[in-house]
């Protein structure tokens, strides 16, 4: 499915910025450079213990946002303070790879993040030592697939961008070059 757009696709941007990132960090082999492997989306729904219908709605929204069916996660441990038992449905998740991953990353950078209210940039503190980037969104309504008329339960979304062959500095430079709007005052350089 090919569509004509005015801007380059996120995969083309990745291929264009990769040689500059490799040169900047002194990596001579392009196969030893950073590669975006997968994107994991997770929604923990603690309210689903009391009302199981919420989980169905949230799972449907995550399926629409990701473009792939969400799987329901179950509790692995019983926690008395949260009133959860082993096997109780408490959330949903999706792992995106390939074409769906690139489409979601493009949608995240160009459509969802600019819709954040009072947006001043994304925190660059979300990188782990392996170079993976974790970020949280407070509401799933930032994505245009979610219709606001049907939105009864506003739910947060955890996004993990898994980058292989990388560390914090390389991943930061890669995502920044691809258009991820990080805050300038906290930039890691």
N, C-alpha and C. Protein backbone atom coordinates (compact mmCIF):
# COMPACT_ATOMS: atom_id res chain seq x y z
N UNK A 1 0.84 -1.16 0.00
CA UNK A 1 0.00 0.00 0.00
C UNK A 1 0.90 1.23 0.00
N UNK A 2 0.92 1.96 -1.07
CA UNK A 2 1.76 3.14 -1.21
C UNK A 2 0.89 4.38 -1.20
N UNK A 3 1.32 5.35 -0.40
CA UNK A 3 0.60 6.61 -0.36
C UNK A 3 1.58 7.74 -0.66
N UNK A 4 1.11 8.74 -1.34
CA UNK A 4 1.95 9.89 -1.66
C UNK A 4 1.88 10.88 -0.50
N UNK A 5 3.04 11.20 0.08
CA UNK A 5 3.09 12.17 1.15
C UNK A 5 4.12 13.23 0.83
N UNK A 6 4.01 14.36 1.49
CA UNK A 6 4.95 15.44 1.27
C UNK A 6 6.25 15.24 2.05
N UNK A 7 6.18 14.49 3.12
CA UNK A 7 7.37 14.27 3.92
C UNK A 7 7.90 12.86 3.71
N UNK A 8 9.18 12.67 4.03
CA UNK A 8 9.78 11.36 3.90
C UNK A 8 9.27 10.44 5.00
N UNK A 9 9.22 9.16 4.70
CA UNK A 9 8.79 8.22 5.72
C UNK A 9 9.86 8.13 6.79
N UNK A 10 9.48 7.65 7.94
CA UNK A 10 10.39 7.57 9.07
C UNK A 10 11.51 6.57 8.79
N UNK A 11 11.22 5.53 8.01
CA UNK A 11 12.25 4.56 7.65
C UNK A 11 13.29 5.20 6.73
N UNK A 12 12.85 6.03 5.80
CA UNK A 12 13.80 6.74 4.93
C UNK A 12 14.65 7.72 5.74
N UNK A 13 14.05 8.39 6.72
CA UNK A 13 14.81 9.28 7.59
C UNK A 13 15.87 8.50 8.36
N UNK A 14 15.50 7.31 8.85
CA UNK A 14 16.44 6.46 9.57
C UNK A 14 17.63 6.10 8.69
N UNK A 15 17.36 5.71 7.44
CA UNK A 15 18.44 5.34 6.52
C UNK A 15 19.33 6.52 6.17
N UNK A 16 18.76 7.73 6.16
CA UNK A 16 19.55 8.91 5.84
C UNK A 16 20.44 9.36 7.00
N UNK A 17 19.92 9.28 8.22
CA UNK A 17 20.69 9.78 9.37
C UNK A 17 21.67 8.76 9.92
N UNK A 18 21.50 7.49 9.59
CA UNK A 18 22.37 6.44 10.14
C UNK A 18 23.85 6.64 9.81
N UNK A 19 24.25 6.95 8.56
CA UNK A 19 25.69 7.15 8.31
C UNK A 19 26.30 8.29 9.13
N UNK A 20 25.56 9.36 9.34
CA UNK A 20 26.07 10.47 10.15
C UNK A 20 26.23 10.06 11.61
N UNK A 21 25.30 9.28 12.12
CA UNK A 21 25.38 8.80 13.51
C UNK A 21 26.57 7.86 13.67
N UNK A 22 26.77 6.97 12.69
CA UNK A 22 27.90 6.05 12.74
C UNK A 22 29.23 6.81 12.73
N UNK A 23 29.32 7.81 11.87
CA UNK A 23 30.55 8.60 11.78
C UNK A 23 30.79 9.39 13.06
N UNK A 24 29.73 9.95 13.61
CA UNK A 24 29.83 10.75 14.82
C UNK A 24 30.34 9.94 16.01
N UNK A 25 29.94 8.67 16.08
CA UNK A 25 30.33 7.82 17.22
C UNK A 25 31.48 6.89 16.88
N UNK A 26 32.08 7.03 15.72
CA UNK A 26 33.27 6.26 15.37
C UNK A 26 33.01 4.79 15.08
N UNK A 27 31.85 4.47 14.54
CA UNK A 27 31.52 3.10 14.19
C UNK A 27 31.74 2.94 12.69
N UNK A 28 32.63 2.00 12.32
CA UNK A 28 32.99 1.87 10.90
C UNK A 28 32.07 0.90 10.15
N UNK A 29 31.52 -0.09 10.82
CA UNK A 29 30.67 -1.08 10.18
C UNK A 29 29.21 -0.69 10.37
N UNK A 30 28.45 -0.57 9.29
CA UNK A 30 27.05 -0.16 9.42
C UNK A 30 26.19 -1.20 10.12
N UNK A 31 26.62 -2.46 10.11
CA UNK A 31 25.86 -3.51 10.79
C UNK A 31 26.08 -3.49 12.30
N UNK A 32 27.12 -2.78 12.75
CA UNK A 32 27.37 -2.63 14.18
C UNK A 32 26.67 -1.40 14.74
N UNK A 33 25.97 -0.68 13.89
CA UNK A 33 25.29 0.54 14.31
C UNK A 33 23.95 0.27 14.97
N UNK A 34 23.33 1.31 15.49
CA UNK A 34 22.04 1.13 16.17
C UNK A 34 20.93 0.77 15.19
N UNK A 35 20.03 -0.07 15.66
CA UNK A 35 18.91 -0.52 14.82
C UNK A 35 17.65 -0.57 15.69
N UNK A 36 16.59 0.02 15.22
CA UNK A 36 15.33 -0.03 15.96
C UNK A 36 14.73 -1.41 15.72
N UNK A 37 14.63 -2.19 16.79
CA UNK A 37 14.24 -3.59 16.71
C UNK A 37 12.74 -3.78 16.86
N UNK A 38 12.16 -3.14 17.88
CA UNK A 38 10.73 -3.32 18.13
C UNK A 38 10.22 -2.17 18.99
N UNK A 39 8.91 -2.03 19.04
CA UNK A 39 8.25 -1.07 19.91
C UNK A 39 7.20 -1.82 20.70
N UNK A 40 7.27 -1.69 22.03
CA UNK A 40 6.32 -2.36 22.91
C UNK A 40 5.38 -1.33 23.52
N UNK A 41 4.10 -1.60 23.44
CA UNK A 41 3.07 -0.74 24.03
C UNK A 41 2.41 -1.49 25.17
N UNK A 42 2.20 -0.82 26.29
CA UNK A 42 1.65 -1.48 27.47
C UNK A 42 0.67 -0.55 28.17
N UNK A 43 -0.46 -1.11 28.56
CA UNK A 43 -1.44 -0.38 29.36
C UNK A 43 -1.76 -1.22 30.58
N UNK A 44 -1.42 -0.71 31.75
CA UNK A 44 -1.80 -1.37 32.99
C UNK A 44 -3.11 -0.78 33.47
N UNK A 45 -4.09 -1.61 33.69
CA UNK A 45 -5.43 -1.14 34.06
C UNK A 45 -5.79 -1.73 35.41
N UNK A 46 -5.41 -1.01 36.46
CA UNK A 46 -5.71 -1.48 37.81
C UNK A 46 -7.19 -1.47 38.12
N UNK A 47 -7.95 -0.58 37.48
CA UNK A 47 -9.40 -0.50 37.70
C UNK A 47 -10.13 -1.71 37.14
N UNK A 48 -9.44 -2.52 36.33
CA UNK A 48 -10.09 -3.69 35.71
C UNK A 48 -10.40 -4.77 36.74
N UNK A 49 -9.76 -4.73 37.90
CA UNK A 49 -10.05 -5.73 38.95
C UNK A 49 -11.48 -5.56 39.44
N UNK A 50 -11.90 -4.30 39.61
CA UNK A 50 -13.26 -4.04 40.08
C UNK A 50 -14.29 -4.12 38.96
N UNK A 51 -13.90 -3.67 37.76
CA UNK A 51 -14.85 -3.63 36.65
C UNK A 51 -14.14 -4.19 35.40
N UNK A 52 -14.47 -5.40 35.01
CA UNK A 52 -13.82 -6.06 33.89
C UNK A 52 -14.15 -5.47 32.53
N UNK A 53 -15.25 -4.71 32.44
CA UNK A 53 -15.63 -4.11 31.16
C UNK A 53 -14.63 -3.05 30.72
N UNK A 54 -13.99 -2.39 31.67
CA UNK A 54 -12.99 -1.36 31.35
C UNK A 54 -11.87 -1.97 30.52
N UNK A 55 -11.44 -3.17 30.87
CA UNK A 55 -10.34 -3.82 30.18
C UNK A 55 -10.68 -4.09 28.72
N UNK A 56 -11.92 -4.44 28.43
CA UNK A 56 -12.33 -4.66 27.04
C UNK A 56 -12.24 -3.38 26.22
N UNK A 57 -12.67 -2.28 26.79
CA UNK A 57 -12.63 -0.98 26.10
C UNK A 57 -11.19 -0.55 25.87
N UNK A 58 -10.35 -0.68 26.90
CA UNK A 58 -8.95 -0.27 26.80
C UNK A 58 -8.21 -1.16 25.80
N UNK A 59 -8.49 -2.44 25.79
CA UNK A 59 -7.87 -3.36 24.84
C UNK A 59 -8.27 -3.01 23.41
N UNK A 60 -9.51 -2.62 23.22
CA UNK A 60 -9.98 -2.21 21.89
C UNK A 60 -9.26 -0.94 21.44
N UNK A 61 -9.07 0.01 22.35
CA UNK A 61 -8.37 1.25 22.01
C UNK A 61 -6.91 0.98 21.66
N UNK A 62 -6.25 0.11 22.42
CA UNK A 62 -4.85 -0.22 22.13
C UNK A 62 -4.72 -0.94 20.79
N UNK A 63 -5.69 -1.77 20.46
CA UNK A 63 -5.70 -2.44 19.16
C UNK A 63 -5.82 -1.42 18.03
N UNK A 64 -6.67 -0.42 18.21
CA UNK A 64 -6.83 0.62 17.19
C UNK A 64 -5.56 1.45 17.04
N UNK A 65 -4.94 1.81 18.15
CA UNK A 65 -3.74 2.64 18.12
C UNK A 65 -2.58 1.90 17.48
N UNK A 66 -2.40 0.62 17.82
CA UNK A 66 -1.26 -0.15 17.34
C UNK A 66 -1.47 -0.72 15.94
N UNK A 67 -2.71 -0.97 15.56
CA UNK A 67 -2.96 -1.61 14.27
C UNK A 67 -2.76 -3.11 14.33
N UNK A 68 -2.75 -3.65 15.52
CA UNK A 68 -2.52 -5.08 15.75
C UNK A 68 -3.26 -5.46 17.03
N UNK A 69 -3.78 -6.66 17.09
CA UNK A 69 -4.59 -7.10 18.23
C UNK A 69 -3.78 -7.09 19.51
N UNK A 70 -4.33 -6.50 20.54
CA UNK A 70 -3.68 -6.44 21.85
C UNK A 70 -3.96 -7.72 22.63
N UNK A 71 -2.95 -8.18 23.36
CA UNK A 71 -3.14 -9.34 24.22
C UNK A 71 -3.37 -8.88 25.65
N UNK A 72 -4.22 -9.59 26.35
CA UNK A 72 -4.56 -9.25 27.72
C UNK A 72 -3.53 -9.90 28.64
N UNK A 73 -3.01 -9.11 29.60
CA UNK A 73 -2.03 -9.64 30.54
C UNK A 73 -2.72 -9.97 31.86
N UNK A 74 -2.16 -10.96 32.53
CA UNK A 74 -2.72 -11.42 33.80
C UNK A 74 -1.70 -11.23 34.91
N UNK A 75 -2.18 -11.10 36.13
CA UNK A 75 -1.31 -10.90 37.29
C UNK A 75 -0.49 -12.16 37.56
N UNK A 76 0.80 -11.98 37.79
CA UNK A 76 1.67 -13.11 38.10
C UNK A 76 1.78 -13.36 39.59
N UNK A 77 1.49 -12.31 40.37
CA UNK A 77 1.56 -12.41 41.83
C UNK A 77 0.27 -11.89 42.43
N UNK A 78 -0.05 -12.37 43.61
CA UNK A 78 -1.19 -11.86 44.35
C UNK A 78 -0.70 -10.76 45.29
N UNK A 79 -1.32 -9.58 45.18
CA UNK A 79 -0.97 -8.45 46.04
C UNK A 79 -2.24 -8.02 46.76
N UNK A 80 -2.23 -8.17 48.09
CA UNK A 80 -3.43 -7.91 48.87
C UNK A 80 -3.83 -6.43 48.84
N UNK A 81 -2.85 -5.52 48.87
CA UNK A 81 -3.18 -4.10 48.88
C UNK A 81 -3.87 -3.65 47.60
N UNK A 82 -3.59 -4.30 46.49
CA UNK A 82 -4.22 -3.96 45.23
C UNK A 82 -5.42 -4.84 44.92
N UNK A 83 -5.75 -5.75 45.80
CA UNK A 83 -6.86 -6.69 45.66
C UNK A 83 -6.73 -7.56 44.40
N UNK A 84 -5.51 -7.90 44.05
CA UNK A 84 -5.30 -8.75 42.87
C UNK A 84 -4.90 -10.15 43.29
N UNK A 85 -5.30 -11.09 42.48
CA UNK A 85 -4.94 -12.49 42.70
C UNK A 85 -4.22 -12.99 41.46
N UNK A 86 -3.61 -14.14 41.57
CA UNK A 86 -2.89 -14.71 40.44
C UNK A 86 -3.90 -15.06 39.35
N UNK A 87 -3.60 -14.64 38.12
CA UNK A 87 -4.46 -14.94 36.99
C UNK A 87 -5.54 -13.92 36.69
N UNK A 88 -5.65 -12.86 37.50
CA UNK A 88 -6.65 -11.82 37.25
C UNK A 88 -6.16 -10.93 36.10
N UNK A 89 -7.04 -10.60 35.19
CA UNK A 89 -6.68 -9.74 34.05
C UNK A 89 -6.50 -8.30 34.53
N UNK A 90 -5.27 -7.75 34.27
CA UNK A 90 -4.97 -6.42 34.79
C UNK A 90 -4.42 -5.45 33.75
N UNK A 91 -4.28 -5.86 32.50
CA UNK A 91 -3.73 -4.94 31.50
C UNK A 91 -3.72 -5.55 30.13
N UNK A 92 -3.11 -4.84 29.18
CA UNK A 92 -2.96 -5.35 27.83
C UNK A 92 -1.68 -4.80 27.23
N UNK A 93 -1.17 -5.50 26.22
CA UNK A 93 0.10 -5.11 25.62
C UNK A 93 0.14 -5.52 24.16
N UNK A 94 1.06 -4.86 23.41
CA UNK A 94 1.29 -5.15 22.00
C UNK A 94 2.77 -4.96 21.73
N UNK A 95 3.36 -5.84 20.93
CA UNK A 95 4.73 -5.67 20.47
C UNK A 95 4.70 -5.52 18.96
N UNK A 96 5.24 -4.40 18.47
CA UNK A 96 5.22 -4.10 17.05
C UNK A 96 6.60 -4.29 16.44
N UNK A 97 6.65 -4.92 15.29
CA UNK A 97 7.88 -5.11 14.54
C UNK A 97 7.60 -4.83 13.06
N UNK A 98 8.65 -4.59 12.31
CA UNK A 98 8.52 -4.45 10.86
C UNK A 98 7.75 -3.22 10.44
N UNK A 99 6.90 -3.38 9.47
CA UNK A 99 6.18 -2.25 8.87
C UNK A 99 5.25 -1.56 9.87
N UNK A 100 4.60 -2.31 10.74
CA UNK A 100 3.72 -1.71 11.74
C UNK A 100 4.51 -0.87 12.74
N UNK A 101 5.72 -1.32 13.06
CA UNK A 101 6.58 -0.57 13.98
C UNK A 101 6.92 0.79 13.38
N UNK A 102 7.34 0.82 12.10
CA UNK A 102 7.70 2.07 11.45
C UNK A 102 6.49 2.98 11.32
N UNK A 103 5.33 2.42 11.02
CA UNK A 103 4.11 3.22 10.89
C UNK A 103 3.73 3.84 12.23
N UNK A 104 3.86 3.06 13.31
CA UNK A 104 3.53 3.59 14.64
C UNK A 104 4.51 4.68 15.05
N UNK A 105 5.80 4.48 14.78
CA UNK A 105 6.81 5.48 15.15
C UNK A 105 6.57 6.78 14.39
N UNK A 106 6.21 6.68 13.13
CA UNK A 106 5.88 7.86 12.34
C UNK A 106 4.66 8.58 12.92
N UNK A 107 3.64 7.81 13.27
CA UNK A 107 2.42 8.37 13.85
C UNK A 107 2.70 9.00 15.21
N UNK A 108 3.58 8.39 15.99
CA UNK A 108 3.92 8.91 17.32
C UNK A 108 4.64 10.25 17.21
N UNK A 109 5.65 10.32 16.34
CA UNK A 109 6.47 11.53 16.24
C UNK A 109 5.72 12.68 15.58
N UNK A 110 4.98 12.38 14.52
CA UNK A 110 4.38 13.46 13.73
C UNK A 110 2.93 13.79 14.08
N UNK A 111 2.20 12.89 14.72
CA UNK A 111 0.79 13.15 15.00
C UNK A 111 0.46 13.20 16.49
N UNK A 112 0.90 12.21 17.25
CA UNK A 112 0.47 12.10 18.65
C UNK A 112 1.21 13.07 19.57
N UNK A 113 2.54 13.13 19.46
CA UNK A 113 3.31 13.98 20.36
C UNK A 113 2.96 15.47 20.19
N UNK A 114 2.78 15.98 18.96
CA UNK A 114 2.38 17.39 18.85
C UNK A 114 1.01 17.71 19.43
N UNK A 115 0.17 16.71 19.69
CA UNK A 115 -1.15 16.96 20.26
C UNK A 115 -1.14 17.03 21.78
N UNK A 116 0.01 16.82 22.41
CA UNK A 116 0.10 16.89 23.87
C UNK A 116 -0.14 18.33 24.31
N UNK A 117 -0.98 18.48 25.32
CA UNK A 117 -1.33 19.80 25.82
C UNK A 117 -0.13 20.42 26.55
N UNK A 118 0.15 21.68 26.32
CA UNK A 118 1.27 22.42 26.92
C UNK A 118 2.59 21.69 26.70
N UNK A 119 2.84 21.29 25.48
CA UNK A 119 4.01 20.47 25.15
C UNK A 119 5.27 21.32 25.13
N UNK A 120 6.29 20.88 25.87
CA UNK A 120 7.58 21.57 25.90
C UNK A 120 8.72 20.66 25.50
N UNK A 121 8.41 19.49 25.06
CA UNK A 121 9.44 18.53 24.65
C UNK A 121 9.40 17.29 25.53
N UNK A 122 9.94 16.22 24.99
CA UNK A 122 9.97 14.95 25.70
C UNK A 122 11.26 14.87 26.51
N UNK A 123 11.18 14.29 27.67
CA UNK A 123 12.35 14.18 28.54
C UNK A 123 13.36 13.20 27.97
N UNK A 124 14.64 13.60 27.90
CA UNK A 124 15.67 12.69 27.42
C UNK A 124 16.18 11.75 28.51
N UNK A 125 15.53 11.73 29.66
CA UNK A 125 15.97 10.88 30.76
C UNK A 125 15.41 9.46 30.69
N UNK A 126 14.67 9.13 29.65
CA UNK A 126 14.00 7.84 29.55
C UNK A 126 14.86 6.72 28.99
N UNK A 127 16.15 6.93 28.79
CA UNK A 127 17.01 5.90 28.21
C UNK A 127 17.58 5.00 29.30
N UNK A 128 17.65 3.70 29.02
CA UNK A 128 18.33 2.79 29.93
C UNK A 128 19.75 2.55 29.41
N UNK A 129 20.53 1.74 30.12
CA UNK A 129 21.92 1.53 29.75
C UNK A 129 22.08 0.80 28.42
N UNK A 130 21.08 0.05 27.99
CA UNK A 130 21.13 -0.65 26.71
C UNK A 130 20.73 0.22 25.53
N UNK A 131 20.31 1.47 25.79
CA UNK A 131 19.93 2.36 24.72
C UNK A 131 18.46 2.34 24.38
N UNK A 132 17.65 1.60 25.12
CA UNK A 132 16.21 1.57 24.88
C UNK A 132 15.57 2.82 25.47
N UNK A 133 14.54 3.34 24.81
CA UNK A 133 13.87 4.54 25.29
C UNK A 133 12.47 4.21 25.78
N UNK A 134 12.16 4.66 27.00
CA UNK A 134 10.85 4.44 27.61
C UNK A 134 10.17 5.78 27.82
N UNK A 135 8.92 5.84 27.44
CA UNK A 135 8.15 7.05 27.68
C UNK A 135 6.72 6.69 28.02
N UNK A 136 6.07 7.57 28.75
CA UNK A 136 4.69 7.36 29.11
C UNK A 136 3.82 8.47 28.55
N UNK A 137 2.63 8.12 28.14
CA UNK A 137 1.66 9.11 27.69
C UNK A 137 0.48 9.02 28.64
N UNK A 138 -0.04 10.16 29.03
CA UNK A 138 -1.10 10.19 30.03
C UNK A 138 -2.46 9.77 29.52
N UNK A 139 -2.65 9.87 28.21
CA UNK A 139 -3.97 9.51 27.67
C UNK A 139 -3.83 8.95 26.26
N UNK A 140 -4.68 7.98 25.96
CA UNK A 140 -4.63 7.37 24.63
C UNK A 140 -5.40 8.20 23.61
N UNK A 141 -6.06 9.26 24.04
CA UNK A 141 -6.84 10.09 23.13
C UNK A 141 -5.96 10.94 22.22
N UNK A 142 -4.64 10.94 22.44
CA UNK A 142 -3.73 11.70 21.59
C UNK A 142 -3.64 11.11 20.19
N UNK A 143 -3.96 9.84 20.05
CA UNK A 143 -3.94 9.18 18.76
C UNK A 143 -5.28 9.38 18.08
N UNK A 144 -5.26 9.68 16.79
CA UNK A 144 -6.49 10.04 16.08
C UNK A 144 -7.42 8.85 15.85
N UNK A 145 -6.97 7.63 16.04
CA UNK A 145 -7.84 6.45 15.85
C UNK A 145 -8.89 6.34 16.96
N UNK A 146 -8.57 6.87 18.13
CA UNK A 146 -9.48 6.78 19.27
C UNK A 146 -10.52 7.89 19.13
N UNK A 147 -11.78 7.49 19.04
CA UNK A 147 -12.85 8.48 18.92
C UNK A 147 -13.22 8.99 20.31
N UNK A 148 -13.30 10.29 20.43
CA UNK A 148 -13.55 10.90 21.74
C UNK A 148 -14.97 10.66 22.23
N UNK A 149 -15.91 10.40 21.31
CA UNK A 149 -17.28 10.15 21.73
C UNK A 149 -17.40 8.82 22.49
N UNK A 150 -16.60 7.84 22.09
CA UNK A 150 -16.65 6.53 22.73
C UNK A 150 -15.71 6.42 23.92
N UNK A 151 -14.90 7.45 24.16
CA UNK A 151 -13.90 7.41 25.22
C UNK A 151 -14.56 7.64 26.57
N UNK A 152 -14.72 6.58 27.35
CA UNK A 152 -15.30 6.69 28.69
C UNK A 152 -14.20 6.68 29.74
N UNK A 153 -13.15 5.91 29.50
CA UNK A 153 -12.09 5.74 30.48
C UNK A 153 -10.77 6.21 29.87
N UNK A 154 -10.25 7.30 30.40
CA UNK A 154 -8.97 7.80 29.93
C UNK A 154 -7.87 6.97 30.56
N UNK A 155 -6.97 6.48 29.77
CA UNK A 155 -5.98 5.53 30.25
C UNK A 155 -4.60 5.92 29.73
N UNK A 156 -3.58 5.75 30.54
CA UNK A 156 -2.21 6.02 30.15
C UNK A 156 -1.64 4.91 29.29
N UNK A 157 -0.52 5.20 28.66
CA UNK A 157 0.10 4.26 27.73
C UNK A 157 1.60 4.33 27.93
N UNK A 158 2.24 3.18 28.09
CA UNK A 158 3.69 3.10 28.23
C UNK A 158 4.28 2.61 26.91
N UNK A 159 5.25 3.36 26.37
CA UNK A 159 5.86 3.03 25.08
C UNK A 159 7.34 2.77 25.29
N UNK A 160 7.83 1.63 24.80
CA UNK A 160 9.24 1.30 24.86
C UNK A 160 9.76 1.10 23.45
N UNK A 161 10.77 1.89 23.07
CA UNK A 161 11.41 1.76 21.77
C UNK A 161 12.71 1.02 22.00
N UNK A 162 12.79 -0.23 21.53
CA UNK A 162 13.96 -1.08 21.74
C UNK A 162 14.95 -0.86 20.61
N UNK A 163 16.15 -0.40 20.97
CA UNK A 163 17.20 -0.12 19.99
C UNK A 163 18.38 -1.03 20.30
N UNK A 164 18.77 -1.88 19.34
CA UNK A 164 19.88 -2.81 19.54
C UNK A 164 21.19 -2.16 19.11
N UNK A 165 22.30 -2.74 19.55
CA UNK A 165 23.67 -2.27 19.23
C UNK A 165 23.85 -0.81 19.61
N UNK A 166 23.43 -0.43 20.79
CA UNK A 166 23.42 0.98 21.13
C UNK A 166 23.71 1.20 22.61
N UNK A 167 23.87 2.46 22.96
CA UNK A 167 23.92 2.90 24.35
C UNK A 167 23.11 4.18 24.45
N UNK A 168 23.14 4.86 25.61
CA UNK A 168 22.29 6.03 25.80
C UNK A 168 22.59 7.15 24.81
N UNK A 169 23.85 7.46 24.60
CA UNK A 169 24.23 8.59 23.74
C UNK A 169 23.88 8.33 22.28
N UNK A 170 24.17 7.13 21.81
CA UNK A 170 23.89 6.80 20.41
C UNK A 170 22.38 6.80 20.15
N UNK A 171 21.61 6.22 21.07
CA UNK A 171 20.15 6.19 20.90
C UNK A 171 19.56 7.58 20.93
N UNK A 172 20.07 8.43 21.83
CA UNK A 172 19.57 9.80 21.89
C UNK A 172 19.82 10.53 20.58
N UNK A 173 21.05 10.42 20.06
CA UNK A 173 21.38 11.10 18.80
C UNK A 173 20.55 10.56 17.64
N UNK A 174 20.31 9.25 17.62
CA UNK A 174 19.52 8.65 16.54
C UNK A 174 18.09 9.15 16.56
N UNK A 175 17.43 9.09 17.73
CA UNK A 175 16.04 9.52 17.81
C UNK A 175 15.91 11.03 17.58
N UNK A 176 16.87 11.81 18.06
CA UNK A 176 16.85 13.26 17.85
C UNK A 176 16.96 13.58 16.35
N UNK A 177 17.85 12.86 15.65
CA UNK A 177 18.02 13.09 14.21
C UNK A 177 16.79 12.65 13.42
N UNK A 178 16.03 11.69 13.94
CA UNK A 178 14.83 11.22 13.25
C UNK A 178 13.62 12.11 13.52
N UNK A 179 13.77 13.10 14.40
CA UNK A 179 12.69 14.06 14.61
C UNK A 179 11.99 13.95 15.95
N UNK A 180 12.48 13.15 16.88
CA UNK A 180 11.87 13.06 18.20
C UNK A 180 12.13 14.38 18.94
N UNK A 181 11.08 15.06 19.38
CA UNK A 181 11.25 16.41 19.96
C UNK A 181 11.65 16.37 21.44
N UNK A 182 12.94 16.22 21.71
CA UNK A 182 13.43 16.20 23.08
C UNK A 182 13.56 17.62 23.61
N UNK A 183 13.48 17.77 24.95
CA UNK A 183 13.70 19.06 25.58
C UNK A 183 15.17 19.43 25.44
N UNK A 184 15.44 20.68 25.11
CA UNK A 184 16.81 21.12 24.90
C UNK A 184 17.56 21.38 26.20
N UNK A 185 16.86 21.80 27.24
CA UNK A 185 17.55 22.14 28.47
C UNK A 185 18.07 20.93 29.24
N UNK A 186 17.59 19.74 28.92
CA UNK A 186 18.06 18.54 29.59
C UNK A 186 18.88 17.64 28.67
N UNK A 187 19.25 18.14 27.51
CA UNK A 187 19.90 17.30 26.49
C UNK A 187 21.20 16.71 27.00
N UNK A 188 21.41 15.43 26.69
CA UNK A 188 22.62 14.72 27.07
C UNK A 188 23.65 14.90 25.98
N UNK A 189 24.64 15.65 26.22
CA UNK A 189 25.73 15.82 25.24
C UNK A 189 27.04 15.77 25.96
